[in-house]
Amino acid sequence: MLDVANGITSGIVEEIVVLGFLVRRLEQLGLRDWQILAIGVAVRASYHLYYGWGVLPILVWAALSIVLYRRYRRLWPFVIVHVLWDTSLFVASAMSTHAGSVFLLAEAAVLLPVSIGLFLCWRDQIPIGPASTP
């Protein structure tokens, strides 16, 4: 249970600190796009270095999240996907090695469409409420 709480808090804090604060502050300072991207990726990678080579996918996630955040200005889809991923890592670690690997692959296959759906909903591309009458 503590692992799930840790996944929730780390997902919220990481996205708010890196995207919601750091990227915005770097933009306010007038840095170029590539500088914002490099600093944001470096900061996020710095607290995942204990993963060893496992930090490489995080570099891709960090770069993609910074680019998408700067384009759409939506923080909550990143928070939700991050929380789901972190909590799933804790669940998978409690499983056997093979079952945990299958679980993570299945969850990654689900998270990609869910994250795209969240972006579309937050961008008002998919109406969530009742349809309006003309």
C-alpha atoms as a PDB file:
ATOM      1  CA  MET A   1       0.000   0.000   0.000  1.00  0.00           C
ATOM      2  CA  LEU A   2       2.864   2.344   0.768  1.00  0.00           C
ATOM      3  CA  ASP A   3       4.297   1.620  -2.696  1.00  0.00           C
ATOM      4  CA  VAL A   4       1.055   2.739  -4.338  1.00  0.00           C
ATOM      5  CA  ALA A   5       1.057   5.951  -2.280  1.00  0.00           C
ATOM      6  CA  ASN A   6       4.657   6.512  -3.328  1.00  0.00           C
ATOM      7  CA  GLY A   7       3.686   6.052  -6.988  1.00  0.00           C
ATOM      8  CA  ILE A   8       0.895   8.578  -6.653  1.00  0.00           C
ATOM      9  CA  THR A   9       3.002  11.211  -4.920  1.00  0.00           C
ATOM     10  CA  SER A  10       6.024  10.796  -7.167  1.00  0.00           C
ATOM     11  CA  GLY A  11       3.894  11.069 -10.311  1.00  0.00           C
ATOM     12  CA  ILE A  12       2.226  14.243  -9.079  1.00  0.00           C
ATOM     13  CA  VAL A  13       5.376  15.883  -7.760  1.00  0.00           C
ATOM     14  CA  GLU A  14       7.611  15.042 -10.730  1.00  0.00           C
ATOM     15  CA  GLU A  15       5.211  16.408 -13.317  1.00  0.00           C
ATOM     16  CA  ILE A  16       4.373  19.544 -11.356  1.00  0.00           C
ATOM     17  CA  VAL A  17       8.039  20.300 -10.594  1.00  0.00           C
ATOM     18  CA  VAL A  18       9.534  19.490 -14.012  1.00  0.00           C
ATOM     19  CA  LEU A  19       6.725  20.522 -16.342  1.00  0.00           C
ATOM     20  CA  GLY A  20       4.574  22.871 -14.321  1.00  0.00           C
ATOM     21  CA  PHE A  21       7.414  24.816 -12.719  1.00  0.00           C
ATOM     22  CA  LEU A  22      10.790  24.220 -14.387  1.00  0.00           C
ATOM     23  CA  VAL A  23       9.677  24.428 -18.018  1.00  0.00           C
ATOM     24  CA  ARG A  24       7.552  27.493 -17.351  1.00  0.00           C
ATOM     25  CA  ARG A  25      10.358  29.215 -15.467  1.00  0.00           C
ATOM     26  CA  LEU A  26      12.886  28.474 -18.212  1.00  0.00           C
ATOM     27  CA  GLU A  27      10.463  29.947 -20.746  1.00  0.00           C
ATOM     28  CA  GLN A  28      10.061  33.058 -18.593  1.00  0.00           C
ATOM     29  CA  LEU A  29      13.841  33.420 -18.535  1.00  0.00           C
ATOM     30  CA  GLY A  30      13.782  33.525 -22.343  1.00  0.00           C
ATOM     31  CA  LEU A  31      15.782  30.374 -23.028  1.00  0.00           C
ATOM     32  CA  ARG A  32      15.666  28.806 -26.485  1.00  0.00           C
ATOM     33  CA  ASP A  33      13.587  25.721 -27.211  1.00  0.00           C
ATOM     34  CA  TRP A  34      16.575  23.358 -27.316  1.00  0.00           C
ATOM     35  CA  GLN A  35      17.905  24.770 -24.024  1.00  0.00           C
ATOM     36  CA  ILE A  36      14.585  24.228 -22.278  1.00  0.00           C
ATOM     37  CA  LEU A  37      14.442  20.691 -23.648  1.00  0.00           C
ATOM     38  CA  ALA A  38      18.043  19.884 -22.646  1.00  0.00           C
ATOM     39  CA  ILE A  39      17.694  21.262 -19.114  1.00  0.00           C
ATOM     40  CA  GLY A  40      14.319  19.607 -18.541  1.00  0.00           C
ATOM     41  CA  VAL A  41      15.566  16.220 -19.739  1.00  0.00           C
ATOM     42  CA  ALA A  42      18.767  16.546 -17.689  1.00  0.00           C
ATOM     43  CA  VAL A  43      16.835  17.379 -14.518  1.00  0.00           C
ATOM     44  CA  ARG A  44      14.422  14.490 -14.958  1.00  0.00           C
ATOM     45  CA  ALA A  45      17.231  12.057 -15.804  1.00  0.00           C
ATOM     46  CA  SER A  46      19.290  13.183 -12.815  1.00  0.00           C
ATOM     47  CA  TYR A  47      16.902  11.689 -10.274  1.00  0.00           C
ATOM     48  CA  HIS A  48      16.489   8.454 -12.248  1.00  0.00           C
ATOM     49  CA  LEU A  49      20.182   7.634 -12.714  1.00  0.00           C
ATOM     50  CA  TYR A  50      19.939   4.805 -10.184  1.00  0.00           C
ATOM     51  CA  TYR A  51      18.015   2.895 -12.896  1.00  0.00           C
ATOM     52  CA  GLY A  52      21.289   2.413 -14.776  1.00  0.00           C
ATOM     53  CA  TRP A  53      20.598   1.826 -18.469  1.00  0.00           C
ATOM     54  CA  GLY A  54      16.897   1.909 -17.611  1.00  0.00           C
ATOM     55  CA  VAL A  55      17.171   5.687 -17.663  1.00  0.00           C
ATOM     56  CA  LEU A  56      17.215   5.680 -21.489  1.00  0.00           C
ATOM     57  CA  PRO A  57      13.431   5.247 -21.922  1.00  0.00           C
ATOM     58  CA  ILE A  58      12.966   7.961 -19.320  1.00  0.00           C
ATOM     59  CA  LEU A  59      15.015  10.319 -21.489  1.00  0.00           C
ATOM     60  CA  VAL A  60      12.591   9.692 -24.351  1.00  0.00           C
ATOM     61  CA  TRP A  61       9.582  10.176 -22.048  1.00  0.00           C
ATOM     62  CA  ALA A  62      11.095  13.386 -20.644  1.00  0.00           C
ATOM     63  CA  ALA A  63      11.742  14.871 -24.095  1.00  0.00           C
ATOM     64  CA  LEU A  64       8.305  13.889 -25.381  1.00  0.00           C
ATOM     65  CA  SER A  65       6.503  15.213 -22.316  1.00  0.00           C
ATOM     66  CA  ILE A  66       8.309  18.568 -22.499  1.00  0.00           C
ATOM     67  CA  VAL A  67       7.511  18.981 -26.196  1.00  0.00           C
ATOM     68  CA  LEU A  68       3.849  18.020 -25.717  1.00  0.00           C
ATOM     69  CA  TYR A  69       3.450  20.137 -22.590  1.00  0.00           C
ATOM     70  CA  ARG A  70       4.858  23.179 -24.349  1.00  0.00           C
ATOM     71  CA  ARG A  71       2.505  22.638 -27.259  1.00  0.00           C
ATOM     72  CA  TYR A  72      -0.750  21.859 -25.416  1.00  0.00           C
ATOM     73  CA  ARG A  73      -0.180  23.377 -21.955  1.00  0.00           C
ATOM     74  CA  ARG A  74      -1.955  20.531 -20.202  1.00  0.00           C
ATOM     75  CA  LEU A  75      -0.387  19.141 -17.038  1.00  0.00           C
ATOM     76  CA  TRP A  76      -3.029  16.690 -15.786  1.00  0.00           C
ATOM     77  CA  PRO A  77      -2.702  14.118 -18.581  1.00  0.00           C
ATOM     78  CA  PHE A  78       0.975  13.760 -17.690  1.00  0.00           C
ATOM     79  CA  VAL A  79       0.207  13.483 -13.989  1.00  0.00           C
ATOM     80  CA  ILE A  80      -2.433  10.792 -14.573  1.00  0.00           C
ATOM     81  CA  VAL A  81      -0.273   8.709 -16.922  1.00  0.00           C
ATOM     82  CA  HIS A  82       2.739   9.031 -14.604  1.00  0.00           C
ATOM     83  CA  VAL A  83       0.734   7.960 -11.558  1.00  0.00           C
ATOM     84  CA  LEU A  84      -0.694   4.974 -13.447  1.00  0.00           C
ATOM     85  CA  TRP A  85       2.753   3.937 -14.653  1.00  0.00           C
ATOM     86  CA  ASP A  86       4.454   4.282 -11.254  1.00  0.00           C
ATOM     87  CA  THR A  87       1.759   2.376  -9.406  1.00  0.00           C
ATOM     88  CA  SER A  88       1.839  -0.346 -12.060  1.00  0.00           C
ATOM     89  CA  LEU A  89       5.592  -0.716 -11.545  1.00  0.00           C
ATOM     90  CA  PHE A  90       4.985  -1.459  -7.887  1.00  0.00           C
ATOM     91  CA  VAL A  91       2.266  -3.960  -8.736  1.00  0.00           C
ATOM     92  CA  ALA A  92       4.483  -5.655 -11.339  1.00  0.00           C
ATOM     93  CA  SER A  93       7.405  -5.865  -8.921  1.00  0.00           C
ATOM     94  CA  ALA A  94       5.218  -7.898  -6.568  1.00  0.00           C
ATOM     95  CA  MET A  95       4.535 -10.442  -9.333  1.00  0.00           C
ATOM     96  CA  SER A  96       6.843 -13.137 -10.644  1.00  0.00           C
ATOM     97  CA  THR A  97       9.379 -11.956 -13.220  1.00  0.00           C
ATOM     98  CA  HIS A  98       7.501 -13.319 -16.239  1.00  0.00           C
ATOM     99  CA  ALA A  99       4.056 -12.238 -15.027  1.00  0.00           C
ATOM    100  CA  GLY A 100       5.405  -8.795 -14.126  1.00  0.00           C
ATOM    101  CA  SER A 101       6.918  -8.350 -17.594  1.00  0.00           C
ATOM    102  CA  VAL A 102       3.689  -9.373 -19.296  1.00  0.00           C
ATOM    103  CA  PHE A 103       1.742  -7.047 -17.005  1.00  0.00           C
ATOM    104  CA  LEU A 104       3.982  -4.064 -17.850  1.00  0.00           C
ATOM    105  CA  LEU A 105       3.773  -4.740 -21.596  1.00  0.00           C
ATOM    106  CA  ALA A 106      -0.006  -4.976 -21.388  1.00  0.00           C
ATOM    107  CA  GLU A 107      -0.200  -1.820 -19.351  1.00  0.00           C
ATOM    108  CA  ALA A 108       2.061   0.082 -21.743  1.00  0.00           C
ATOM    109  CA  ALA A 109      -0.263  -0.998 -24.575  1.00  0.00           C
ATOM    110  CA  VAL A 110      -3.184   0.449 -22.601  1.00  0.00           C
ATOM    111  CA  LEU A 111      -1.462   3.628 -21.400  1.00  0.00           C
ATOM    112  CA  LEU A 112      -0.556   4.848 -24.870  1.00  0.00           C
ATOM    113  CA  PRO A 113      -4.161   5.047 -26.134  1.00  0.00           C
ATOM    114  CA  VAL A 114      -5.357   6.316 -22.741  1.00  0.00           C
ATOM    115  CA  SER A 115      -2.799   9.124 -22.758  1.00  0.00           C
ATOM    116  CA  ILE A 116      -3.746  10.102 -26.315  1.00  0.00           C
ATOM    117  CA  GLY A 117      -7.406  10.054 -25.288  1.00  0.00           C
ATOM    118  CA  LEU A 118      -6.673  12.258 -22.293  1.00  0.00           C
ATOM    119  CA  PHE A 119      -4.906  14.795 -24.482  1.00  0.00           C
ATOM    120  CA  LEU A 120      -7.808  14.851 -26.923  1.00  0.00           C
ATOM    121  CA  CYS A 121     -10.331  15.266 -24.118  1.00  0.00           C
ATOM    122  CA  TRP A 122      -8.340  18.033 -22.479  1.00  0.00           C
ATOM    123  CA  ARG A 123      -8.017  19.748 -25.829  1.00  0.00           C
ATOM    124  CA  ASP A 124     -11.815  19.628 -26.209  1.00  0.00           C
ATOM    125  CA  GLN A 125     -11.549  17.415 -29.277  1.00  0.00           C
ATOM    126  CA  ILE A 126     -13.811  14.783 -27.700  1.00  0.00           C
ATOM    127  CA  PRO A 127     -16.859  16.171 -25.882  1.00  0.00           C
ATOM    128  CA  ILE A 128     -17.169  14.629 -22.432  1.00  0.00           C
ATOM    129  CA  GLY A 129     -20.493  16.105 -21.345  1.00  0.00           C
ATOM    130  CA  PRO A 130     -23.909  15.899 -22.972  1.00  0.00           C
ATOM    131  CA  ALA A 131     -24.092  17.026 -26.568  1.00  0.00           C
ATOM    132  CA  SER A 132     -25.343  20.545 -27.030  1.00  0.00           C
ATOM    133  CA  THR A 133     -28.393  21.126 -29.198  1.00  0.00           C
ATOM    134  CA  PRO A 134     -28.111  23.552 -32.130  1.00  0.00           C
END
